[in-house]
Amino acid sequence: MPINLPTEEGSHHGSSRLIRHAYGEGEKYVPLVLRAQQLWDELAEISGEAVFERTGVINLGPASSAFLANVAASARAFQLEVEELDAQAVMQRWPEIRLPDDYRAIFEPASGVLRSELAVETWIRLAREAGCAQLFNCPVSAIHHHADGITIDTLDGEYHGKNCWSAPALGHPPASGPPYPAGTQGVRLGTEADGRYSSKNHFPAFTGELPNGDQYYGFPAEDNELKIGKHNGGQPISTPQERVAFGAVASDGSESFPFLRNVLPRHRRLPARRLLYLRQYRR
């Protein structure tokens, strides 16, 4: 491993990530997500760490939303437990949420929040306890494939194995495989929220779509802070040098305000925090 983990260079950076089973991006993701959920549950059982919290996820949007239609279709295709609600039913159950009459929701009770950095730390600990050799902060210069497996050239010497998993960070050229990962630099906003927005009060994680198509996601409040981000926001970047300080981009700190103002109005804004979201593609 060339860098310490967890790391701010990866898409896992940040304390939490959503797990959604009924996928609005298309049902082709569902088998992968369900298998991942089984493995997260297994990791939690083996390690004794609460790496997953089953908060439920509520998906909100206009009745005509293609995203919600995909959520419903994937739930039907894989017989997932979901509950479809109109706007009035949502507001009656969760008074903190405000919706116009032409909105609807799909609630996934089995989905929730993954403690992503805790999960990475737990993987590393269990691997170490199982006798796995771990090498950090050691640059990889090449990966060679041959009949007997893999040879990895590093600053510390050569390492051999049957298989190799490569996950290069932004701006770090992979020694073998696709070129540099590219990323989207996004802002997650922290807003003051009392216990009503907490999972202890059964407030769920959420995704939401505004009438203009902008999509948002967020988490139940922790330590009186509710985290929310704009899914289709941020700026494309391909090198670490393109990461800029908060406030350097005009939209920093305001991307999520339309959703908060219209759907979660009972909040008080706090300073926003910048996170990095990565996606990989071939140049």
Protein backbone atom coordinates (compact mmCIF):
# COMPACT_ATOMS: atom_id res chain seq x y z
CA MET A 1 0.00 0.00 0.00
CA PRO A 2 1.65 3.26 -1.08
CA ILE A 3 -0.13 5.58 1.37
CA ASN A 4 -1.61 5.41 4.83
CA LEU A 5 -5.23 4.35 5.11
CA PRO A 6 -7.79 5.75 5.55
CA THR A 7 -6.68 8.53 3.22
CA GLU A 8 -8.13 11.82 2.01
CA GLU A 9 -7.13 10.85 -1.54
CA GLY A 10 -9.91 8.28 -1.98
CA SER A 11 -13.64 8.35 -2.59
CA HIS A 12 -14.22 6.74 0.82
CA HIS A 13 -12.94 9.92 2.53
CA GLY A 14 -15.39 11.17 5.12
CA SER A 15 -16.97 9.41 8.05
CA SER A 16 -20.11 8.17 6.30
CA ARG A 17 -21.57 6.99 3.00
CA LEU A 18 -25.11 5.99 1.99
CA ILE A 19 -26.06 2.44 1.03
CA ARG A 20 -29.15 2.32 -1.15
CA HIS A 21 -30.56 -0.99 -2.36
CA ALA A 22 -33.36 0.12 -4.72
CA TYR A 23 -31.15 2.03 -7.09
CA GLY A 24 -32.34 5.13 -8.93
CA GLU A 25 -29.36 4.94 -11.28
CA GLY A 26 -30.63 1.63 -12.67
CA GLU A 27 -31.30 -1.93 -11.54
CA LYS A 28 -27.98 -3.24 -12.93
CA TYR A 29 -26.35 -1.98 -9.72
CA VAL A 30 -28.68 -3.84 -7.37
CA PRO A 31 -26.95 -7.27 -7.26
CA LEU A 32 -23.62 -5.58 -6.53
CA VAL A 33 -25.16 -3.45 -3.77
CA LEU A 34 -26.94 -6.38 -2.15
CA ARG A 35 -23.76 -8.46 -2.14
CA ALA A 36 -21.88 -5.51 -0.65
CA GLN A 37 -24.51 -5.24 2.08
CA GLN A 38 -24.01 -8.91 2.98
CA LEU A 39 -20.28 -8.33 3.27
CA TRP A 40 -20.67 -5.17 5.37
CA ASP A 41 -22.93 -7.09 7.75
CA GLU A 42 -20.37 -9.90 7.87
CA LEU A 43 -17.57 -7.43 8.60
CA ALA A 44 -19.59 -5.92 11.43
CA GLU A 45 -20.27 -9.35 12.94
CA ILE A 46 -16.66 -10.54 12.70
CA SER A 47 -15.09 -7.32 13.93
CA GLY A 48 -17.60 -6.20 16.54
CA GLU A 49 -17.51 -2.74 14.97
CA ALA A 50 -20.71 -0.87 14.06
CA VAL A 51 -19.66 -0.18 10.48
CA PHE A 52 -23.27 0.00 9.25
CA GLU A 53 -26.34 1.71 10.72
CA ARG A 54 -29.70 0.67 9.30
CA THR A 55 -31.30 4.12 9.35
CA GLY A 56 -33.45 3.56 6.29
CA VAL A 57 -33.20 5.79 3.22
CA ILE A 58 -36.06 7.91 1.92
CA ASN A 59 -35.98 8.93 -1.74
CA LEU A 60 -37.89 12.15 -2.44
CA GLY A 61 -38.86 13.78 -5.71
CA PRO A 62 -41.57 14.92 -8.10
CA ALA A 63 -44.12 12.26 -9.01
CA SER A 64 -42.75 12.37 -12.57
CA SER A 65 -39.13 11.76 -11.48
CA ALA A 66 -37.27 9.21 -13.63
CA PHE A 67 -34.97 8.57 -10.66
CA LEU A 68 -37.90 7.53 -8.46
CA ALA A 69 -39.33 5.43 -11.29
CA ASN A 70 -36.02 3.55 -11.42
CA VAL A 71 -36.05 3.10 -7.65
CA ALA A 72 -39.52 1.56 -7.84
CA ALA A 73 -38.62 -0.62 -10.83
CA SER A 74 -35.47 -2.00 -9.22
CA ALA A 75 -37.38 -2.72 -6.00
CA ARG A 76 -39.97 -4.70 -7.95
CA ALA A 77 -37.37 -6.56 -10.00
CA PHE A 78 -35.48 -7.75 -6.92
CA GLN A 79 -38.42 -7.96 -4.50
CA LEU A 80 -36.92 -5.37 -2.17
CA GLU A 81 -38.86 -4.08 0.80
CA VAL A 82 -39.92 -0.51 0.10
CA GLU A 83 -42.80 1.74 1.09
CA GLU A 84 -44.29 4.24 -1.35
CA LEU A 85 -45.67 7.41 0.22
CA ASP A 86 -47.36 10.57 -0.96
CA ALA A 87 -46.30 14.01 0.26
CA GLN A 88 -48.82 14.16 3.10
CA ALA A 89 -47.81 10.75 4.44
CA VAL A 90 -44.14 11.77 4.43
CA MET A 91 -44.77 14.99 6.33
CA GLN A 92 -46.99 13.23 8.85
CA ARG A 93 -44.29 10.66 9.66
CA TRP A 94 -41.34 13.08 9.44
CA PRO A 95 -42.60 16.61 10.27
CA GLU A 96 -39.10 17.99 9.63
CA ILE A 97 -39.58 17.33 5.89
CA ARG A 98 -41.70 19.70 3.78
CA LEU A 99 -42.91 18.62 0.35
CA PRO A 100 -45.26 20.07 -2.28
CA ASP A 101 -48.40 18.11 -3.09
CA ASP A 102 -47.02 16.78 -6.38
CA TYR A 103 -44.10 15.01 -4.67
CA ARG A 104 -43.85 11.38 -3.66
CA ALA A 105 -41.35 9.22 -1.79
CA ILE A 106 -40.00 5.69 -1.68
CA PHE A 107 -38.68 4.56 1.70
CA GLU A 108 -36.13 1.72 1.94
CA PRO A 109 -36.09 0.50 5.57
CA ALA A 110 -33.16 -1.92 5.09
CA SER A 111 -30.78 0.68 3.65
CA GLY A 112 -28.71 3.10 5.67
CA VAL A 113 -25.33 4.59 6.50
CA LEU A 114 -21.91 2.99 6.18
CA ARG A 115 -19.14 4.22 8.49
CA SER A 116 -16.65 4.22 5.64
CA GLU A 117 -13.45 5.26 7.38
CA LEU A 118 -14.19 2.95 10.31
CA ALA A 119 -14.75 0.14 7.79
CA VAL A 120 -11.35 0.75 6.16
CA GLU A 121 -9.63 0.87 9.54
CA THR A 122 -11.39 -2.36 10.51
CA TRP A 123 -10.29 -4.13 7.32
CA ILE A 124 -6.68 -3.17 8.01
CA ARG A 125 -6.86 -4.36 11.62
CA LEU A 126 -8.42 -7.72 10.74
CA ALA A 127 -5.92 -8.29 7.94
CA ARG A 128 -3.04 -7.55 10.30
CA GLU A 129 -4.47 -9.89 12.93
CA ALA A 130 -4.76 -12.60 10.25
CA GLY A 131 -1.05 -12.31 9.50
CA CYS A 132 -1.24 -10.16 6.39
CA ALA A 133 1.93 -8.19 5.65
CA GLN A 134 1.12 -4.49 5.30
CA LEU A 135 3.35 -1.93 3.63
CA PHE A 136 2.42 1.75 3.70
CA ASN A 137 3.99 4.86 2.17
CA CYS A 138 5.94 2.82 -0.36
CA PRO A 139 5.54 4.01 -3.98
CA VAL A 140 4.73 1.38 -6.63
CA SER A 141 6.69 1.77 -9.87
CA ALA A 142 5.37 -1.20 -11.88
CA ILE A 143 3.07 -4.21 -11.79
CA HIS A 144 4.10 -7.23 -13.89
CA HIS A 145 1.72 -10.02 -14.89
CA HIS A 146 3.18 -13.48 -15.51
CA ALA A 147 2.16 -17.14 -15.50
CA ASP A 148 2.77 -17.54 -11.76
CA GLY A 149 0.84 -14.42 -10.76
CA ILE A 150 1.90 -10.84 -10.09
CA THR A 151 5.17 -9.09 -9.31
CA ILE A 152 5.02 -5.56 -7.89
CA ASP A 153 8.06 -3.28 -8.04
CA THR A 154 8.24 -0.81 -5.16
CA LEU A 155 10.75 1.52 -3.60
CA ASP A 156 11.24 -1.13 -0.92
CA GLY A 157 11.81 -4.02 -3.33
CA GLU A 158 9.80 -6.65 -5.23
CA TYR A 159 6.68 -8.36 -3.94
CA HIS A 160 5.01 -11.43 -5.43
CA GLY A 161 1.45 -12.72 -5.23
CA LYS A 162 -1.28 -14.55 -7.10
CA ASN A 163 -3.54 -11.49 -7.45
CA CYS A 164 -3.35 -7.72 -7.17
CA TRP A 165 -6.03 -5.12 -6.53
CA SER A 166 -5.09 -1.61 -7.65
CA ALA A 167 -6.92 1.50 -6.46
CA PRO A 168 -4.81 4.53 -7.42
CA ALA A 169 -5.70 7.86 -5.87
CA LEU A 170 -6.32 11.10 -7.72
CA GLY A 171 -3.16 12.29 -9.45
CA HIS A 172 -1.23 9.09 -8.71
CA PRO A 173 -0.54 7.26 -12.00
CA PRO A 174 -1.38 3.55 -11.72
CA ALA A 175 1.52 1.23 -12.46
CA SER A 176 -0.74 -0.98 -14.58
CA GLY A 177 -4.23 -0.66 -15.99
CA PRO A 178 -6.32 2.42 -16.88
CA PRO A 179 -4.68 5.87 -16.78
CA TYR A 180 -5.11 8.43 -14.02
CA PRO A 181 -8.40 8.44 -12.15
CA ALA A 182 -10.36 11.63 -12.62
CA GLY A 183 -12.49 13.14 -9.90
CA THR A 184 -15.27 15.49 -9.04
CA GLN A 185 -14.51 17.90 -6.21
CA GLY A 186 -17.69 18.42 -4.23
CA VAL A 187 -18.84 20.24 -1.10
CA ARG A 188 -20.72 18.63 1.74
CA LEU A 189 -22.54 21.21 3.84
CA GLY A 190 -22.89 20.98 7.59
CA THR A 191 -26.05 22.52 9.02
CA GLU A 192 -27.13 22.86 12.61
CA ALA A 193 -29.90 20.40 13.40
CA ASP A 194 -31.27 19.27 16.74
CA GLY A 195 -32.27 15.79 17.86
CA ARG A 196 -35.34 15.75 15.63
CA TYR A 197 -33.03 15.07 12.67
CA SER A 198 -31.17 12.27 14.44
CA SER A 199 -31.46 8.55 13.70
CA LYS A 200 -32.36 8.18 17.39
CA ASN A 201 -35.56 10.02 16.45
CA HIS A 202 -35.92 7.68 13.43
CA PHE A 203 -34.96 10.39 10.96
CA PRO A 204 -33.65 8.58 7.88
CA ALA A 205 -30.84 9.14 5.44
CA PHE A 206 -32.23 10.65 2.26
CA THR A 207 -31.93 11.44 -1.40
CA GLY A 208 -33.96 14.23 -2.95
CA GLU A 209 -34.64 15.74 -6.34
CA LEU A 210 -35.83 19.28 -7.01
CA PRO A 211 -38.20 20.12 -9.90
CA ASN A 212 -35.23 21.34 -11.99
CA GLY A 213 -33.60 17.90 -11.77
CA ASP A 214 -30.86 18.75 -9.25
CA GLN A 215 -30.22 15.82 -6.91
CA TYR A 216 -29.14 15.86 -3.28
CA TYR A 217 -28.32 13.35 -0.57
CA GLY A 218 -27.83 13.53 3.17
CA PHE A 219 -27.51 11.77 6.50
CA PRO A 220 -29.27 11.82 9.85
CA ALA A 221 -27.80 14.44 12.16
CA GLU A 222 -24.88 13.56 14.42
CA ASP A 223 -23.64 15.84 17.18
CA ASN A 224 -26.34 18.34 16.16
CA GLU A 225 -25.03 18.56 12.60
CA LEU A 226 -26.86 17.37 9.50
CA LYS A 227 -24.69 16.66 6.46
CA ILE A 228 -25.97 17.20 2.93
CA GLY A 229 -24.39 17.34 -0.52
CA LYS A 230 -25.41 18.00 -4.11
CA HIS A 231 -25.00 14.81 -6.13
CA ASN A 232 -24.66 16.57 -9.48
CA GLY A 233 -22.58 19.43 -8.08
CA GLY A 234 -18.87 20.08 -7.75
CA GLN A 235 -16.16 20.59 -10.36
CA PRO A 236 -14.34 17.95 -12.48
CA ILE A 237 -10.64 17.68 -11.63
CA SER A 238 -7.79 15.34 -12.59
CA THR A 239 -4.80 16.43 -10.47
CA PRO A 240 -4.30 17.21 -6.77
CA GLN A 241 -3.25 20.74 -7.75
CA GLU A 242 -6.79 21.44 -8.93
CA ARG A 243 -8.14 20.95 -5.43
CA VAL A 244 -8.77 24.44 -4.13
CA ALA A 245 -9.62 25.85 -0.73
CA PHE A 246 -13.23 26.27 0.29
CA GLY A 247 -14.58 29.57 -1.01
CA ALA A 248 -12.44 29.62 -4.15
CA VAL A 249 -15.45 28.51 -6.20
CA ALA A 250 -18.45 30.83 -6.26
CA SER A 251 -20.95 28.04 -5.58
CA ASP A 252 -19.11 26.76 -2.50
CA GLY A 253 -21.36 26.77 0.52
CA SER A 254 -24.54 27.47 -1.44
CA GLU A 255 -25.04 24.37 -3.62
CA SER A 256 -27.32 22.68 -1.11
CA PHE A 257 -29.29 25.74 0.01
CA PRO A 258 -32.19 25.26 -2.46
CA PHE A 259 -32.90 21.79 -1.09
CA LEU A 260 -32.52 22.85 2.52
CA ARG A 261 -34.72 25.90 2.02
CA ASN A 262 -37.52 23.97 0.32
CA VAL A 263 -37.40 20.47 1.84
CA LEU A 264 -35.61 20.78 5.20
CA PRO A 265 -36.33 24.38 6.20
CA ARG A 266 -35.83 24.02 9.96
CA HIS A 267 -32.08 24.37 10.05
CA ARG A 268 -29.35 26.87 10.72
CA ARG A 269 -26.44 27.05 8.29
CA LEU A 270 -22.94 26.20 9.49
CA PRO A 271 -19.61 26.44 7.60
CA ALA A 272 -19.45 23.99 4.69
CA ARG A 273 -16.78 21.34 4.29
CA ARG A 274 -15.17 20.18 1.06
CA LEU A 275 -14.92 16.49 0.20
CA LEU A 276 -13.58 14.73 -2.87
CA TYR A 277 -15.58 12.25 -4.91
CA LEU A 278 -13.72 10.15 -7.46
CA ARG A 279 -14.78 8.32 -10.57
CA GLN A 280 -12.36 6.54 -12.89
CA TYR A 281 -12.42 6.60 -16.66
CA ARG A 282 -10.03 5.98 -19.55
CA ARG A 283 -8.56 9.05 -21.21
